Amino acid sequence: MKWVDVNEIAIELSEKYPETDPLTVRFTDLKQWVELLDGFEDEPDHCGEKILEAIQMAWLDEMD
């Protein structure tokens, strides 16, 4: 997975943290959680606030 795989990342996060409200997760924590996902292989500095926001919104959608 790379940072651009927003939907795949959201699915993984929803499975790993099923009781977590994505809107309560700080971006610094979200970035770290994504980097720790199995299969995630991208450079940490390739991520910005827009990507984290997109992941957060996709994760929120995944919960519905």
N, C-alpha and C. Protein backbone atom coordinates (compact mmCIF):
# COMPACT_ATOMS: atom_id res chain seq x y z
N MET A 1 0.84 -1.18 0.00
CA MET A 1 0.00 0.00 0.00
C MET A 1 0.88 1.24 0.00
N LYS A 2 0.36 2.26 -0.63
CA LYS A 2 1.01 3.56 -0.65
C LYS A 2 0.01 4.59 -0.14
N TRP A 3 0.47 5.81 0.11
CA TRP A 3 -0.40 6.87 0.63
C TRP A 3 -1.61 7.11 -0.26
N VAL A 4 -1.45 6.91 -1.56
CA VAL A 4 -2.56 7.18 -2.49
C VAL A 4 -3.65 6.10 -2.44
N ASP A 5 -3.40 4.99 -1.78
CA ASP A 5 -4.39 3.92 -1.65
C ASP A 5 -5.34 4.19 -0.49
N VAL A 6 -5.99 5.32 -0.59
CA VAL A 6 -6.82 5.84 0.51
C VAL A 6 -7.90 4.86 0.93
N ASN A 7 -8.63 4.29 -0.02
CA ASN A 7 -9.73 3.39 0.33
C ASN A 7 -9.24 2.09 0.96
N GLU A 8 -8.16 1.56 0.43
CA GLU A 8 -7.59 0.34 1.00
C GLU A 8 -7.09 0.59 2.42
N ILE A 9 -6.46 1.73 2.63
CA ILE A 9 -5.99 2.11 3.96
C ILE A 9 -7.18 2.24 4.92
N ALA A 10 -8.24 2.87 4.45
CA ALA A 10 -9.44 3.05 5.28
C ALA A 10 -10.03 1.71 5.70
N ILE A 11 -10.07 0.76 4.79
CA ILE A 11 -10.59 -0.57 5.11
C ILE A 11 -9.72 -1.23 6.18
N GLU A 12 -8.42 -1.15 5.99
CA GLU A 12 -7.49 -1.74 6.97
C GLU A 12 -7.65 -1.10 8.35
N LEU A 13 -7.77 0.22 8.38
CA LEU A 13 -7.93 0.91 9.66
C LEU A 13 -9.25 0.55 10.33
N SER A 14 -10.32 0.44 9.55
CA SER A 14 -11.62 0.10 10.14
C SER A 14 -11.62 -1.31 10.71
N GLU A 15 -10.83 -2.20 10.10
CA GLU A 15 -10.72 -3.57 10.62
C GLU A 15 -9.82 -3.63 11.86
N LYS A 16 -8.77 -2.84 11.85
CA LYS A 16 -7.82 -2.87 12.96
C LYS A 16 -8.32 -2.10 14.19
N TYR A 17 -9.08 -1.02 13.94
CA TYR A 17 -9.59 -0.18 15.03
C TYR A 17 -11.11 -0.02 14.90
N PRO A 18 -11.86 -1.12 15.06
CA PRO A 18 -13.31 -1.08 14.81
C PRO A 18 -14.10 -0.17 15.76
N GLU A 19 -13.59 0.07 16.94
CA GLU A 19 -14.33 0.88 17.91
C GLU A 19 -13.89 2.35 17.91
N THR A 20 -13.00 2.71 17.02
CA THR A 20 -12.45 4.07 17.00
C THR A 20 -13.23 4.96 16.05
N ASP A 21 -13.60 6.13 16.52
CA ASP A 21 -14.23 7.15 15.68
C ASP A 21 -13.10 7.88 14.95
N PRO A 22 -13.05 7.79 13.62
CA PRO A 22 -11.96 8.43 12.87
C PRO A 22 -11.84 9.93 13.13
N LEU A 23 -12.93 10.57 13.47
CA LEU A 23 -12.90 12.02 13.69
C LEU A 23 -12.21 12.40 15.00
N THR A 24 -11.97 11.41 15.85
CA THR A 24 -11.30 11.69 17.13
C THR A 24 -9.79 11.43 17.07
N VAL A 25 -9.32 10.91 15.94
CA VAL A 25 -7.91 10.55 15.81
C VAL A 25 -7.12 11.76 15.30
N ARG A 26 -6.08 12.13 16.03
CA ARG A 26 -5.21 13.23 15.58
C ARG A 26 -4.44 12.78 14.35
N PHE A 27 -4.15 13.73 13.47
CA PHE A 27 -3.43 13.39 12.24
C PHE A 27 -2.07 12.79 12.52
N THR A 28 -1.40 13.21 13.58
CA THR A 28 -0.09 12.64 13.91
C THR A 28 -0.23 11.15 14.24
N ASP A 29 -1.30 10.80 14.97
CA ASP A 29 -1.55 9.40 15.30
C ASP A 29 -1.99 8.62 14.06
N LEU A 30 -2.85 9.22 13.27
CA LEU A 30 -3.34 8.57 12.05
C LEU A 30 -2.18 8.22 11.13
N LYS A 31 -1.28 9.15 10.95
CA LYS A 31 -0.11 8.92 10.10
C LYS A 31 0.71 7.74 10.61
N GLN A 32 0.91 7.70 11.91
CA GLN A 32 1.68 6.60 12.51
C GLN A 32 0.95 5.27 12.35
N TRP A 33 -0.37 5.27 12.56
CA TRP A 33 -1.15 4.04 12.42
C TRP A 33 -1.06 3.50 11.01
N VAL A 34 -1.16 4.39 10.03
CA VAL A 34 -1.08 3.96 8.63
C VAL A 34 0.30 3.37 8.36
N GLU A 35 1.34 4.02 8.82
CA GLU A 35 2.69 3.54 8.59
C GLU A 35 2.94 2.16 9.22
N LEU A 36 2.18 1.82 10.26
CA LEU A 36 2.33 0.53 10.95
C LEU A 36 1.47 -0.58 10.35
N LEU A 37 0.61 -0.25 9.38
CA LEU A 37 -0.26 -1.27 8.78
C LEU A 37 0.58 -2.29 8.01
N ASP A 38 0.17 -3.57 8.11
CA ASP A 38 0.84 -4.61 7.32
C ASP A 38 0.68 -4.28 5.84
N GLY A 39 1.74 -4.37 5.12
CA GLY A 39 1.68 -4.13 3.68
C GLY A 39 1.86 -2.69 3.28
N PHE A 40 2.00 -1.79 4.25
CA PHE A 40 2.22 -0.39 3.90
C PHE A 40 3.70 -0.18 3.60
N GLU A 41 3.96 0.35 2.40
CA GLU A 41 5.35 0.55 1.97
C GLU A 41 5.45 1.86 1.20
N ASP A 42 5.54 2.95 1.89
CA ASP A 42 5.72 4.24 1.24
C ASP A 42 6.57 5.13 2.14
N GLU A 43 7.06 6.17 1.57
CA GLU A 43 7.90 7.10 2.31
C GLU A 43 7.05 7.97 3.24
N PRO A 44 7.46 8.13 4.50
CA PRO A 44 6.69 8.96 5.44
C PRO A 44 6.51 10.40 4.96
N ASP A 45 7.49 10.93 4.26
CA ASP A 45 7.38 12.32 3.84
C ASP A 45 6.54 12.51 2.58
N HIS A 46 5.98 11.45 2.05
CA HIS A 46 5.08 11.56 0.90
C HIS A 46 3.64 11.82 1.34
N CYS A 47 3.45 12.04 2.60
CA CYS A 47 2.12 12.24 3.16
C CYS A 47 1.97 13.68 3.64
N GLY A 48 0.79 14.23 3.35
CA GLY A 48 0.47 15.56 3.84
C GLY A 48 -0.92 15.58 4.45
N GLU A 49 -1.32 16.75 4.88
CA GLU A 49 -2.62 16.89 5.55
C GLU A 49 -3.78 16.48 4.65
N LYS A 50 -3.69 16.78 3.35
CA LYS A 50 -4.78 16.43 2.43
C LYS A 50 -4.96 14.92 2.33
N ILE A 51 -3.88 14.20 2.30
CA ILE A 51 -3.96 12.74 2.24
C ILE A 51 -4.55 12.19 3.53
N LEU A 52 -4.10 12.69 4.66
CA LEU A 52 -4.64 12.23 5.94
C LEU A 52 -6.12 12.54 6.06
N GLU A 53 -6.52 13.69 5.57
CA GLU A 53 -7.93 14.06 5.57
C GLU A 53 -8.74 13.10 4.71
N ALA A 54 -8.22 12.77 3.54
CA ALA A 54 -8.90 11.83 2.65
C ALA A 54 -9.02 10.45 3.28
N ILE A 55 -7.96 10.01 3.96
CA ILE A 55 -8.01 8.72 4.65
C ILE A 55 -9.05 8.75 5.75
N GLN A 56 -9.08 9.83 6.51
CA GLN A 56 -10.04 9.98 7.60
C GLN A 56 -11.48 9.92 7.08
N MET A 57 -11.76 10.61 5.98
CA MET A 57 -13.11 10.63 5.42
C MET A 57 -13.48 9.26 4.83
N ALA A 58 -12.52 8.60 4.19
CA ALA A 58 -12.78 7.26 3.66
C ALA A 58 -13.03 6.27 4.79
N TRP A 59 -12.30 6.40 5.87
CA TRP A 59 -12.49 5.54 7.04
C TRP A 59 -13.87 5.79 7.63
N LEU A 60 -14.27 7.02 7.71
CA LEU A 60 -15.60 7.36 8.22
C LEU A 60 -16.68 6.72 7.34
N ASP A 61 -16.52 6.82 6.02
CA ASP A 61 -17.46 6.20 5.09
C ASP A 61 -17.49 4.68 5.26
N GLU A 62 -16.35 4.09 5.50
CA GLU A 62 -16.24 2.65 5.67
C GLU A 62 -17.02 2.18 6.89
N MET A 63 -17.14 3.02 7.89
CA MET A 63 -17.86 2.66 9.11
C MET A 63 -19.37 2.63 8.92
N ASP A 64 -19.85 3.31 7.90
CA ASP A 64 -21.31 3.39 7.67
C ASP A 64 -21.88 2.15 7.04
